Amino acid sequence: MQIKEYLDGCDDRASYVRHCLCANGDGDTPAMVAARRRHKAALMALLQPFIVFPERRELDVLLHHENADGHRLLSFVSHYDKSLSAAHGVLVELEAMAHDHDSYEVEAIFI
């Protein structure tokens, strides 16, 4: 729960988001690492600033960034859908927001 505690005490949202969008040597963002490890609480804490104050540019990076293997966050979460179902629902909604609720664009993501 250190991530949630950090987020709750963080006065600088921009700095926190910047850290959330930083990739490691494999190209994984912190949310990708949390999803890969099936850590629900950490993943939801990392998604919190994007849910509360969604900004298009940040959503694009969060949702469309590919790691070194060409995987995106949604692909990790979809792989573990049963244990990460809440995060899966949040990401689908964020995808809709990122694409201005354009059903054709959102549907294309899942094909």
PDB file of N, CA and C in Angstrom:
ATOM      1  N   MET A   1       0.805  -1.194   0.000  1.00  0.00           N
ATOM      2  CA  MET A   1       0.000   0.000   0.000  1.00  0.00           C
ATOM      3  C   MET A   1       0.852   1.263   0.000  1.00  0.00           C
ATOM      4  N   GLN A   2       2.162   1.152  -0.165  1.00  0.00           N
ATOM      5  CA  GLN A   2       3.015   2.327  -0.187  1.00  0.00           C
ATOM      6  C   GLN A   2       2.662   3.244  -1.351  1.00  0.00           C
ATOM      7  N   ILE A   3       2.250   2.676  -2.489  1.00  0.00           N
ATOM      8  CA  ILE A   3       1.892   3.491  -3.642  1.00  0.00           C
ATOM      9  C   ILE A   3       0.684   4.358  -3.301  1.00  0.00           C
ATOM     10  N   LYS A   4      -0.352   3.762  -2.706  1.00  0.00           N
ATOM     11  CA  LYS A   4      -1.554   4.515  -2.350  1.00  0.00           C
ATOM     12  C   LYS A   4      -1.226   5.598  -1.324  1.00  0.00           C
ATOM     13  N   GLU A   5      -0.397   5.279  -0.346  1.00  0.00           N
ATOM     14  CA  GLU A   5      -0.007   6.264   0.655  1.00  0.00           C
ATOM     15  C   GLU A   5       0.742   7.416   0.001  1.00  0.00           C
ATOM     16  N   TYR A   6       1.622   7.099  -0.939  1.00  0.00           N
ATOM     17  CA  TYR A   6       2.364   8.136  -1.654  1.00  0.00           C
ATOM     18  C   TYR A   6       1.398   9.024  -2.440  1.00  0.00           C
ATOM     19  N   LEU A   7       0.452   8.385  -3.142  1.00  0.00           N
ATOM     20  CA  LEU A   7      -0.507   9.133  -3.949  1.00  0.00           C
ATOM     21  C   LEU A   7      -1.369  10.034  -3.069  1.00  0.00           C
ATOM     22  N   ASP A   8      -1.850   9.496  -1.955  1.00  0.00           N
ATOM     23  CA  ASP A   8      -2.695  10.283  -1.059  1.00  0.00           C
ATOM     24  C   ASP A   8      -1.951  11.492  -0.493  1.00  0.00           C
ATOM     25  N   GLY A   9      -0.653  11.361  -0.280  1.00  0.00           N
ATOM     26  CA  GLY A   9       0.132  12.452   0.285  1.00  0.00           C
ATOM     27  C   GLY A   9       0.816  13.311  -0.757  1.00  0.00           C
ATOM     28  N   CYS A  10       0.639  12.995  -2.016  1.00  0.00           N
ATOM     29  CA  CYS A  10       1.328  13.699  -3.089  1.00  0.00           C
ATOM     30  C   CYS A  10       0.583  14.984  -3.446  1.00  0.00           C
ATOM     31  N   ASP A  11       1.259  16.107  -3.293  1.00  0.00           N
ATOM     32  CA  ASP A  11       0.655  17.387  -3.641  1.00  0.00           C
ATOM     33  C   ASP A  11       0.884  17.737  -5.106  1.00  0.00           C
ATOM     34  N   ASP A  12       1.827  17.087  -5.713  1.00  0.00           N
ATOM     35  CA  ASP A  12       2.201  17.400  -7.090  1.00  0.00           C
ATOM     36  C   ASP A  12       1.729  16.297  -8.028  1.00  0.00           C
ATOM     37  N   ARG A  13       0.517  16.417  -8.547  1.00  0.00           N
ATOM     38  CA  ARG A  13      -0.061  15.405  -9.421  1.00  0.00           C
ATOM     39  C   ARG A  13       0.792  15.195 -10.666  1.00  0.00           C
ATOM     40  N   ALA A  14       1.292  16.268 -11.241  1.00  0.00           N
ATOM     41  CA  ALA A  14       2.081  16.169 -12.476  1.00  0.00           C
ATOM     42  C   ALA A  14       3.317  15.297 -12.275  1.00  0.00           C
ATOM     43  N   SER A  15       3.968  15.458 -11.144  1.00  0.00           N
ATOM     44  CA  SER A  15       5.153  14.645 -10.840  1.00  0.00           C
ATOM     45  C   SER A  15       4.772  13.177 -10.672  1.00  0.00           C
ATOM     46  N   TYR A  16       3.681  12.931  -9.965  1.00  0.00           N
ATOM     47  CA  TYR A  16       3.227  11.555  -9.768  1.00  0.00           C
ATOM     48  C   TYR A  16       2.879  10.899 -11.103  1.00  0.00           C
ATOM     49  N   VAL A  17       2.139  11.616 -11.951  1.00  0.00           N
ATOM     50  CA  VAL A  17       1.751  11.072 -13.259  1.00  0.00           C
ATOM     51  C   VAL A  17       2.985  10.804 -14.103  1.00  0.00           C
ATOM     52  N   ARG A  18       3.942  11.713 -14.069  1.00  0.00           N
ATOM     53  CA  ARG A  18       5.184  11.523 -14.827  1.00  0.00           C
ATOM     54  C   ARG A  18       5.866  10.218 -14.411  1.00  0.00           C
ATOM     55  N   HIS A  19       5.896   9.946 -13.109  1.00  0.00           N
ATOM     56  CA  HIS A  19       6.485   8.693 -12.620  1.00  0.00           C
ATOM     57  C   HIS A  19       5.654   7.489 -13.061  1.00  0.00           C
ATOM     58  N   CYS A  20       4.342   7.634 -13.077  1.00  0.00           N
ATOM     59  CA  CYS A  20       3.458   6.547 -13.505  1.00  0.00           C
ATOM     60  C   CYS A  20       3.660   6.191 -14.973  1.00  0.00           C
ATOM     61  N   LEU A  21       4.075   7.162 -15.764  1.00  0.00           N
ATOM     62  CA  LEU A  21       4.222   6.943 -17.200  1.00  0.00           C
ATOM     63  C   LEU A  21       5.652   6.599 -17.612  1.00  0.00           C
ATOM     64  N   CYS A  22       6.574   6.606 -16.645  1.00  0.00           N
ATOM     65  CA  CYS A  22       7.972   6.258 -16.931  1.00  0.00           C
ATOM     66  C   CYS A  22       8.103   4.749 -17.127  1.00  0.00           C
ATOM     67  N   ALA A  23       8.869   4.358 -18.107  1.00  0.00           N
ATOM     68  CA  ALA A  23       9.064   2.930 -18.382  1.00  0.00           C
ATOM     69  C   ALA A  23      10.412   2.461 -17.853  1.00  0.00           C
ATOM     70  N   ASN A  24      10.459   1.185 -17.470  1.00  0.00           N
ATOM     71  CA  ASN A  24      11.723   0.592 -17.030  1.00  0.00           C
ATOM     72  C   ASN A  24      12.522   0.106 -18.251  1.00  0.00           C
ATOM     73  N   GLY A  25      13.580  -0.627 -18.036  1.00  0.00           N
ATOM     74  CA  GLY A  25      14.431  -1.103 -19.124  1.00  0.00           C
ATOM     75  C   GLY A  25      13.727  -2.009 -20.116  1.00  0.00           C
ATOM     76  N   ASP A  26      12.666  -2.693 -19.676  1.00  0.00           N
ATOM     77  CA  ASP A  26      11.893  -3.564 -20.567  1.00  0.00           C
ATOM     78  C   ASP A  26      10.762  -2.814 -21.257  1.00  0.00           C
ATOM     79  N   GLY A  27      10.641  -1.523 -20.939  1.00  0.00           N
ATOM     80  CA  GLY A  27       9.580  -0.726 -21.521  1.00  0.00           C
ATOM     81  C   GLY A  27       8.277  -0.798 -20.751  1.00  0.00           C
ATOM     82  N   ASP A  28       8.278  -1.452 -19.588  1.00  0.00           N
ATOM     83  CA  ASP A  28       7.065  -1.575 -18.773  1.00  0.00           C
ATOM     84  C   ASP A  28       6.888  -0.344 -17.884  1.00  0.00           C
ATOM     85  N   THR A  29       5.673   0.181 -17.843  1.00  0.00           N
ATOM     86  CA  THR A  29       5.337   1.251 -16.904  1.00  0.00           C
ATOM     87  C   THR A  29       5.012   0.603 -15.552  1.00  0.00           C
ATOM     88  N   PRO A  30       4.965   1.379 -14.480  1.00  0.00           N
ATOM     89  CA  PRO A  30       4.604   0.798 -13.182  1.00  0.00           C
ATOM     90  C   PRO A  30       3.261   0.053 -13.208  1.00  0.00           C
ATOM     91  N   ALA A  31       2.280   0.576 -13.951  1.00  0.00           N
ATOM     92  CA  ALA A  31       0.986  -0.112 -14.037  1.00  0.00           C
ATOM     93  C   ALA A  31       1.129  -1.461 -14.737  1.00  0.00           C
ATOM     94  N   MET A  32       1.987  -1.540 -15.740  1.00  0.00           N
ATOM     95  CA  MET A  32       2.222  -2.820 -16.424  1.00  0.00           C
ATOM     96  C   MET A  32       2.851  -3.832 -15.469  1.00  0.00           C
ATOM     97  N   VAL A  33       3.789  -3.359 -14.666  1.00  0.00           N
ATOM     98  CA  VAL A  33       4.446  -4.251 -13.700  1.00  0.00           C
ATOM     99  C   VAL A  33       3.420  -4.738 -12.683  1.00  0.00           C
ATOM    100  N   ALA A  34       2.586  -3.840 -12.180  1.00  0.00           N
ATOM    101  CA  ALA A  34       1.551  -4.232 -11.212  1.00  0.00           C
ATOM    102  C   ALA A  34       0.587  -5.238 -11.835  1.00  0.00           C
ATOM    103  N   ALA A  35       0.197  -5.017 -13.087  1.00  0.00           N
ATOM    104  CA  ALA A  35      -0.724  -5.941 -13.761  1.00  0.00           C
ATOM    105  C   ALA A  35      -0.061  -7.300 -13.971  1.00  0.00           C
ATOM    106  N   ARG A  36       1.172  -7.288 -14.407  1.00  0.00           N
ATOM    107  CA  ARG A  36       1.898  -8.546 -14.639  1.00  0.00           C
ATOM    108  C   ARG A  36       2.007  -9.357 -13.355  1.00  0.00           C
ATOM    109  N   ARG A  37       2.163  -8.661 -12.237  1.00  0.00           N
ATOM    110  CA  ARG A  37       2.274  -9.344 -10.936  1.00  0.00           C
ATOM    111  C   ARG A  37       0.912  -9.564 -10.287  1.00  0.00           C
ATOM    112  N   ARG A  38      -0.158  -9.171 -10.985  1.00  0.00           N
ATOM    113  CA  ARG A  38      -1.537  -9.324 -10.508  1.00  0.00           C
ATOM    114  C   ARG A  38      -1.760  -8.672  -9.145  1.00  0.00           C
ATOM    115  N   HIS A  39      -1.201  -7.475  -8.996  1.00  0.00           N
ATOM    116  CA  HIS A  39      -1.332  -6.737  -7.745  1.00  0.00           C
ATOM    117  C   HIS A  39      -2.440  -5.699  -7.915  1.00  0.00           C
ATOM    118  N   LYS A  40      -3.656  -6.107  -7.522  1.00  0.00           N
ATOM    119  CA  LYS A  40      -4.854  -5.283  -7.738  1.00  0.00           C
ATOM    120  C   LYS A  40      -4.759  -3.911  -7.091  1.00  0.00           C
ATOM    121  N   ALA A  41      -4.394  -3.872  -5.816  1.00  0.00           N
ATOM    122  CA  ALA A  41      -4.365  -2.598  -5.083  1.00  0.00           C
ATOM    123  C   ALA A  41      -3.357  -1.633  -5.696  1.00  0.00           C
ATOM    124  N   ALA A  42      -2.186  -2.126  -6.033  1.00  0.00           N
ATOM    125  CA  ALA A  42      -1.166  -1.256  -6.635  1.00  0.00           C
ATOM    126  C   ALA A  42      -1.633  -0.739  -7.982  1.00  0.00           C
ATOM    127  N   LEU A  43      -2.221  -1.606  -8.793  1.00  0.00           N
ATOM    128  CA  LEU A  43      -2.692  -1.200 -10.119  1.00  0.00           C
ATOM    129  C   LEU A  43      -3.773  -0.124 -10.006  1.00  0.00           C
ATOM    130  N   MET A  44      -4.729  -0.324  -9.123  1.00  0.00           N
ATOM    131  CA  MET A  44      -5.802   0.661  -8.967  1.00  0.00           C
ATOM    132  C   MET A  44      -5.259   1.987  -8.429  1.00  0.00           C
ATOM    133  N   ALA A  45      -4.273   1.933  -7.541  1.00  0.00           N
ATOM    134  CA  ALA A  45      -3.656   3.160  -7.030  1.00  0.00           C
ATOM    135  C   ALA A  45      -2.929   3.895  -8.150  1.00  0.00           C
ATOM    136  N   LEU A  46      -2.282   3.153  -9.034  1.00  0.00           N
ATOM    137  CA  LEU A  46      -1.574   3.776 -10.158  1.00  0.00           C
ATOM    138  C   LEU A  46      -2.535   4.366 -11.183  1.00  0.00           C
ATOM    139  N   LEU A  47      -3.729   3.806 -11.297  1.00  0.00           N
ATOM    140  CA  LEU A  47      -4.719   4.319 -12.245  1.00  0.00           C
ATOM    141  C   LEU A  47      -5.493   5.506 -11.689  1.00  0.00           C
ATOM    142  N   GLN A  48      -5.466   5.685 -10.364  1.00  0.00           N
ATOM    143  CA  GLN A  48      -6.286   6.704  -9.704  1.00  0.00           C
ATOM    144  C   GLN A  48      -6.175   8.102 -10.315  1.00  0.00           C
ATOM    145  N   PRO A  49      -4.973   8.652 -10.554  1.00  0.00           N
ATOM    146  CA  PRO A  49      -4.937  10.023 -11.086  1.00  0.00           C
ATOM    147  C   PRO A  49      -5.518  10.136 -12.497  1.00  0.00           C
ATOM    148  N   PHE A  50      -5.524   9.053 -13.233  1.00  0.00           N
ATOM    149  CA  PHE A  50      -6.072   9.072 -14.588  1.00  0.00           C
ATOM    150  C   PHE A  50      -7.597   8.964 -14.568  1.00  0.00           C
ATOM    151  N   ILE A  51      -8.123   8.375 -13.495  1.00  0.00           N
ATOM    152  CA  ILE A  51      -9.574   8.246 -13.337  1.00  0.00           C
ATOM    153  C   ILE A  51     -10.161   9.573 -12.851  1.00  0.00           C
ATOM    154  N   VAL A  52      -9.508  10.158 -11.852  1.00  0.00           N
ATOM    155  CA  VAL A  52     -10.024  11.358 -11.205  1.00  0.00           C
ATOM    156  C   VAL A  52      -9.881  12.588 -12.107  1.00  0.00           C
ATOM    157  N   PHE A  53      -8.721  12.751 -12.742  1.00  0.00           N
ATOM    158  CA  PHE A  53      -8.464  13.901 -13.616  1.00  0.00           C
ATOM    159  C   PHE A  53      -7.933  13.415 -14.963  1.00  0.00           C
ATOM    160  N   PRO A  54      -8.790  12.831 -15.777  1.00  0.00           N
ATOM    161  CA  PRO A  54      -8.311  12.305 -17.063  1.00  0.00           C
ATOM    162  C   PRO A  54      -7.912  13.428 -18.025  1.00  0.00           C
ATOM    163  N   GLU A  55      -6.704  13.347 -18.531  1.00  0.00           N
ATOM    164  CA  GLU A  55      -6.235  14.280 -19.542  1.00  0.00           C
ATOM    165  C   GLU A  55      -5.859  13.473 -20.770  1.00  0.00           C
ATOM    166  N   ARG A  56      -6.309  13.910 -21.919  1.00  0.00           N
ATOM    167  CA  ARG A  56      -6.184  13.149 -23.162  1.00  0.00           C
ATOM    168  C   ARG A  56      -4.747  12.690 -23.443  1.00  0.00           C
ATOM    169  N   ARG A  57      -3.801  13.601 -23.343  1.00  0.00           N
ATOM    170  CA  ARG A  57      -2.405  13.269 -23.660  1.00  0.00           C
ATOM    171  C   ARG A  57      -1.874  12.183 -22.721  1.00  0.00           C
ATOM    172  N   GLU A  58      -2.181  12.323 -21.433  1.00  0.00           N
ATOM    173  CA  GLU A  58      -1.729  11.334 -20.451  1.00  0.00           C
ATOM    174  C   GLU A  58      -2.415   9.989 -20.664  1.00  0.00           C
ATOM    175  N   LEU A  59      -3.709  10.017 -20.972  1.00  0.00           N
ATOM    176  CA  LEU A  59      -4.429   8.772 -21.253  1.00  0.00           C
ATOM    177  C   LEU A  59      -3.825   8.060 -22.454  1.00  0.00           C
ATOM    178  N   ASP A  60      -3.485   8.825 -23.478  1.00  0.00           N
ATOM    179  CA  ASP A  60      -2.881   8.223 -24.671  1.00  0.00           C
ATOM    180  C   ASP A  60      -1.599   7.470 -24.315  1.00  0.00           C
ATOM    181  N   VAL A  61      -0.764   8.095 -23.486  1.00  0.00           N
ATOM    182  CA  VAL A  61       0.489   7.433 -23.100  1.00  0.00           C
ATOM    183  C   VAL A  61       0.201   6.214 -22.235  1.00  0.00           C
ATOM    184  N   LEU A  62      -0.634   6.375 -21.218  1.00  0.00           N
ATOM    185  CA  LEU A  62      -0.968   5.259 -20.323  1.00  0.00           C
ATOM    186  C   LEU A  62      -1.515   4.067 -21.098  1.00  0.00           C
ATOM    187  N   LEU A  63      -2.444   4.323 -21.989  1.00  0.00           N
ATOM    188  CA  LEU A  63      -3.172   3.243 -22.668  1.00  0.00           C
ATOM    189  C   LEU A  63      -2.465   2.704 -23.903  1.00  0.00           C
ATOM    190  N   HIS A  64      -1.721   3.522 -24.605  1.00  0.00           N
ATOM    191  CA  HIS A  64      -1.188   3.110 -25.901  1.00  0.00           C
ATOM    192  C   HIS A  64       0.315   2.863 -25.917  1.00  0.00           C
ATOM    193  N   HIS A  65       0.972   3.068 -24.782  1.00  0.00           N
ATOM    194  CA  HIS A  65       2.407   2.774 -24.694  1.00  0.00           C
ATOM    195  C   HIS A  65       2.623   1.263 -24.846  1.00  0.00           C
ATOM    196  N   GLU A  66       3.592   0.896 -25.663  1.00  0.00           N
ATOM    197  CA  GLU A  66       3.942  -0.520 -25.837  1.00  0.00           C
ATOM    198  C   GLU A  66       5.308  -0.782 -25.219  1.00  0.00           C
ATOM    199  N   ASN A  67       5.417  -1.922 -24.536  1.00  0.00           N
ATOM    200  CA  ASN A  67       6.708  -2.295 -23.968  1.00  0.00           C
ATOM    201  C   ASN A  67       7.595  -2.896 -25.067  1.00  0.00           C
ATOM    202  N   ALA A  68       8.742  -3.409 -24.689  1.00  0.00           N
ATOM    203  CA  ALA A  68       9.700  -3.947 -25.657  1.00  0.00           C
ATOM    204  C   ALA A  68       9.133  -5.127 -26.448  1.00  0.00           C
ATOM    205  N   ASP A  69       8.163  -5.834 -25.863  1.00  0.00           N
ATOM    206  CA  ASP A  69       7.546  -6.977 -26.545  1.00  0.00           C
ATOM    207  C   ASP A  69       6.309  -6.583 -27.342  1.00  0.00           C
ATOM    208  N   GLY A  70       5.987  -5.295 -27.363  1.00  0.00           N
ATOM    209  CA  GLY A  70       4.827  -4.813 -28.111  1.00  0.00           C
ATOM    210  C   GLY A  70       3.502  -4.958 -27.387  1.00  0.00           C
ATOM    211  N   HIS A  71       3.540  -5.171 -26.069  1.00  0.00           N
ATOM    212  CA  HIS A  71       2.307  -5.297 -25.284  1.00  0.00           C
ATOM    213  C   HIS A  71       1.923  -3.968 -24.654  1.00  0.00           C
ATOM    214  N   ARG A  72       0.624  -3.764 -24.542  1.00  0.00           N
ATOM    215  CA  ARG A  72       0.076  -2.578 -23.878  1.00  0.00           C
ATOM    216  C   ARG A  72      -0.511  -2.982 -22.534  1.00  0.00           C
ATOM    217  N   LEU A  73      -0.805  -1.997 -21.711  1.00  0.00           N
ATOM    218  CA  LEU A  73      -1.362  -2.257 -20.383  1.00  0.00           C
ATOM    219  C   LEU A  73      -2.625  -3.095 -20.457  1.00  0.00           C
ATOM    220  N   LEU A  74      -3.518  -2.763 -21.362  1.00  0.00           N
ATOM    221  CA  LEU A  74      -4.784  -3.503 -21.458  1.00  0.00           C
ATOM    222  C   LEU A  74      -4.549  -4.976 -21.788  1.00  0.00           C
ATOM    223  N   SER A  75      -3.510  -5.284 -22.543  1.00  0.00           N
ATOM    224  CA  SER A  75      -3.256  -6.696 -22.858  1.00  0.00           C
ATOM    225  C   SER A  75      -2.842  -7.472 -21.611  1.00  0.00           C
ATOM    226  N   PHE A  76      -2.055  -6.848 -20.728  1.00  0.00           N
ATOM    227  CA  PHE A  76      -1.689  -7.512 -19.467  1.00  0.00           C
ATOM    228  C   PHE A  76      -2.925  -7.714 -18.597  1.00  0.00           C
ATOM    229  N   VAL A  77      -3.730  -6.675 -18.464  1.00  0.00           N
ATOM    230  CA  VAL A  77      -4.911  -6.749 -17.606  1.00  0.00           C
ATOM    231  C   VAL A  77      -5.916  -7.744 -18.180  1.00  0.00           C
ATOM    232  N   SER A  78      -6.083  -7.769 -19.486  1.00  0.00           N
ATOM    233  CA  SER A  78      -7.007  -8.723 -20.122  1.00  0.00           C
ATOM    234  C   SER A  78      -6.554 -10.154 -19.903  1.00  0.00           C
ATOM    235  N   HIS A  79      -5.248 -10.361 -19.888  1.00  0.00           N
ATOM    236  CA  HIS A  79      -4.708 -11.716 -19.684  1.00  0.00           C
ATOM    237  C   HIS A  79      -5.095 -12.242 -18.298  1.00  0.00           C
ATOM    238  N   TYR A  80      -5.150 -11.349 -17.317  1.00  0.00           N
ATOM    239  CA  TYR A  80      -5.501 -11.743 -15.948  1.00  0.00           C
ATOM    240  C   TYR A  80      -6.868 -11.186 -15.569  1.00  0.00           C
ATOM    241  N   ASP A  81      -7.802 -11.204 -16.518  1.00  0.00           N
ATOM    242  CA  ASP A  81      -9.106 -10.560 -16.354  1.00  0.00           C
ATOM    243  C   ASP A  81      -9.843 -10.991 -15.091  1.00  0.00           C
ATOM    244  N   LYS A  82      -9.779 -12.256 -14.745  1.00  0.00           N
ATOM    245  CA  LYS A  82     -10.531 -12.721 -13.568  1.00  0.00           C
ATOM    246  C   LYS A  82     -10.021 -12.076 -12.283  1.00  0.00           C
ATOM    247  N   SER A  83      -8.714 -11.978 -12.121  1.00  0.00           N
ATOM    248  CA  SER A  83      -8.185 -11.401 -10.887  1.00  0.00           C
ATOM    249  C   SER A  83      -8.067  -9.876 -10.949  1.00  0.00           C
ATOM    250  N   LEU A  84      -8.126  -9.298 -12.147  1.00  0.00           N
ATOM    251  CA  LEU A  84      -8.007  -7.847 -12.306  1.00  0.00           C
ATOM    252  C   LEU A  84      -9.246  -7.256 -12.975  1.00  0.00           C
ATOM    253  N   SER A  85     -10.410  -7.812 -12.661  1.00  0.00           N
ATOM    254  CA  SER A  85     -11.632  -7.404 -13.359  1.00  0.00           C
ATOM    255  C   SER A  85     -11.986  -5.931 -13.138  1.00  0.00           C
ATOM    256  N   ALA A  86     -11.765  -5.411 -11.944  1.00  0.00           N
ATOM    257  CA  ALA A  86     -12.072  -3.992 -11.693  1.00  0.00           C
ATOM    258  C   ALA A  86     -11.181  -3.100 -12.549  1.00  0.00           C
ATOM    259  N   ALA A  87      -9.896  -3.410 -12.597  1.00  0.00           N
ATOM    260  CA  ALA A  87      -8.964  -2.627 -13.413  1.00  0.00           C
ATOM    261  C   ALA A  87      -9.311  -2.758 -14.896  1.00  0.00           C
ATOM    262  N   HIS A  88      -9.750  -3.934 -15.304  1.00  0.00           N
ATOM    263  CA  HIS A  88     -10.144  -4.136 -16.702  1.00  0.00           C
ATOM    264  C   HIS A  88     -11.300  -3.206 -17.060  1.00  0.00           C
ATOM    265  N   GLY A  89     -12.299  -3.140 -16.201  1.00  0.00           N
ATOM    266  CA  GLY A  89     -13.434  -2.250 -16.437  1.00  0.00           C
ATOM    267  C   GLY A  89     -13.017  -0.784 -16.494  1.00  0.00           C
ATOM    268  N   VAL A  90     -12.115  -0.390 -15.604  1.00  0.00           N
ATOM    269  CA  VAL A  90     -11.620   0.986 -15.587  1.00  0.00           C
ATOM    270  C   VAL A  90     -10.883   1.294 -16.885  1.00  0.00           C
ATOM    271  N   LEU A  91     -10.030   0.377 -17.326  1.00  0.00           N
ATOM    272  CA  LEU A  91      -9.260   0.616 -18.549  1.00  0.00           C
ATOM    273  C   LEU A  91     -10.147   0.694 -19.786  1.00  0.00           C
ATOM    274  N   VAL A  92     -11.183  -0.122 -19.833  1.00  0.00           N
ATOM    275  CA  VAL A  92     -12.118  -0.052 -20.965  1.00  0.00           C
ATOM    276  C   VAL A  92     -12.801   1.311 -20.983  1.00  0.00           C
ATOM    277  N   GLU A  93     -13.194   1.793 -19.810  1.00  0.00           N
ATOM    278  CA  GLU A  93     -13.813   3.119 -19.739  1.00  0.00           C
ATOM    279  C   GLU A  93     -12.817   4.215 -20.111  1.00  0.00           C
ATOM    280  N   LEU A  94     -11.568   4.089 -19.660  1.00  0.00           N
ATOM    281  CA  LEU A  94     -10.555   5.078 -20.019  1.00  0.00           C
ATOM    282  C   LEU A  94     -10.282   5.066 -21.524  1.00  0.00           C
ATOM    283  N   GLU A  95     -10.297   3.879 -22.127  1.00  0.00           N
ATOM    284  CA  GLU A  95     -10.141   3.787 -23.588  1.00  0.00           C
ATOM    285  C   GLU A  95     -11.269   4.540 -24.283  1.00  0.00           C
ATOM    286  N   ALA A  96     -12.490   4.363 -23.795  1.00  0.00           N
ATOM    287  CA  ALA A  96     -13.631   5.069 -24.389  1.00  0.00           C
ATOM    288  C   ALA A  96     -13.445   6.578 -24.249  1.00  0.00           C
ATOM    289  N   MET A  97     -12.965   7.028 -23.086  1.00  0.00           N
ATOM    290  CA  MET A  97     -12.729   8.452 -22.885  1.00  0.00           C
ATOM    291  C   MET A  97     -11.622   8.958 -23.805  1.00  0.00           C
ATOM    292  N   ALA A  98     -10.567   8.171 -23.952  1.00  0.00           N
ATOM    293  CA  ALA A  98      -9.440   8.575 -24.797  1.00  0.00           C
ATOM    294  C   ALA A  98      -9.846   8.707 -26.254  1.00  0.00           C
ATOM    295  N   HIS A  99     -10.872   7.973 -26.639  1.00  0.00           N
ATOM    296  CA  HIS A  99     -11.341   7.998 -28.030  1.00  0.00           C
ATOM    297  C   HIS A  99     -12.677   8.730 -28.145  1.00  0.00           C
ATOM    298  N   ASP A 100     -12.936   9.627 -27.198  1.00  0.00           N
ATOM    299  CA  ASP A 100     -14.156  10.445 -27.209  1.00  0.00           C
ATOM    300  C   ASP A 100     -15.419   9.614 -27.375  1.00  0.00           C
ATOM    301  N   HIS A 101     -15.412   8.444 -26.786  1.00  0.00           N
ATOM    302  CA  HIS A 101     -16.563   7.526 -26.825  1.00  0.00           C
ATOM    303  C   HIS A 101     -16.988   7.187 -28.257  1.00  0.00           C
ATOM    304  N   ASP A 102     -16.021   7.206 -29.168  1.00  0.00           N
ATOM    305  CA  ASP A 102     -16.269   6.808 -30.557  1.00  0.00           C
ATOM    306  C   ASP A 102     -16.289   5.281 -30.599  1.00  0.00           C
ATOM    307  N   SER A 103     -17.455   4.688 -30.757  1.00  0.00           N
ATOM    308  CA  SER A 103     -17.600   3.234 -30.653  1.00  0.00           C
ATOM    309  C   SER A 103     -16.754   2.506 -31.699  1.00  0.00           C
ATOM    310  N   TYR A 104     -16.560   3.077 -32.875  1.00  0.00           N
ATOM    311  CA  TYR A 104     -15.754   2.423 -33.903  1.00  0.00           C
ATOM    312  C   TYR A 104     -14.287   2.345 -33.470  1.00  0.00           C
ATOM    313  N   GLU A 105     -13.750   3.459 -32.940  1.00  0.00           N
ATOM    314  CA  GLU A 105     -12.362   3.468 -32.500  1.00  0.00           C
ATOM    315  C   GLU A 105     -12.154   2.534 -31.317  1.00  0.00           C
ATOM    316  N   VAL A 106     -13.084   2.534 -30.361  1.00  0.00           N
ATOM    317  CA  VAL A 106     -12.968   1.672 -29.192  1.00  0.00           C
ATOM    318  C   VAL A 106     -13.071   0.217 -29.602  1.00  0.00           C
ATOM    319  N   GLU A 107     -13.996  -0.107 -30.499  1.00  0.00           N
ATOM    320  CA  GLU A 107     -14.143  -1.481 -30.975  1.00  0.00           C
ATOM    321  C   GLU A 107     -12.882  -1.949 -31.683  1.00  0.00           C
ATOM    322  N   ALA A 108     -12.219  -1.070 -32.416  1.00  0.00           N
ATOM    323  CA  ALA A 108     -11.000  -1.429 -33.139  1.00  0.00           C
ATOM    324  C   ALA A 108      -9.890  -1.852 -32.204  1.00  0.00           C
ATOM    325  N   ILE A 109      -9.890  -1.355 -30.982  1.00  0.00           N
ATOM    326  CA  ILE A 109      -8.870  -1.715 -29.996  1.00  0.00           C
ATOM    327  C   ILE A 109      -8.974  -3.189 -29.622  1.00  0.00           C
ATOM    328  N   PHE A 110     -10.178  -3.707 -29.597  1.00  0.00           N
ATOM    329  CA  PHE A 110     -10.405  -5.075 -29.123  1.00  0.00           C
ATOM    330  C   PHE A 110     -10.395  -6.100 -30.241  1.00  0.00           C
ATOM    331  N   ILE A 111     -10.170  -5.667 -31.463  1.00  0.00           N
ATOM    332  CA  ILE A 111     -10.142  -6.616 -32.591  1.00  0.00           C
ATOM    333  C   ILE A 111      -8.752  -7.165 -32.765  1.00  0.00           C
TER     334      ILE A 111
END
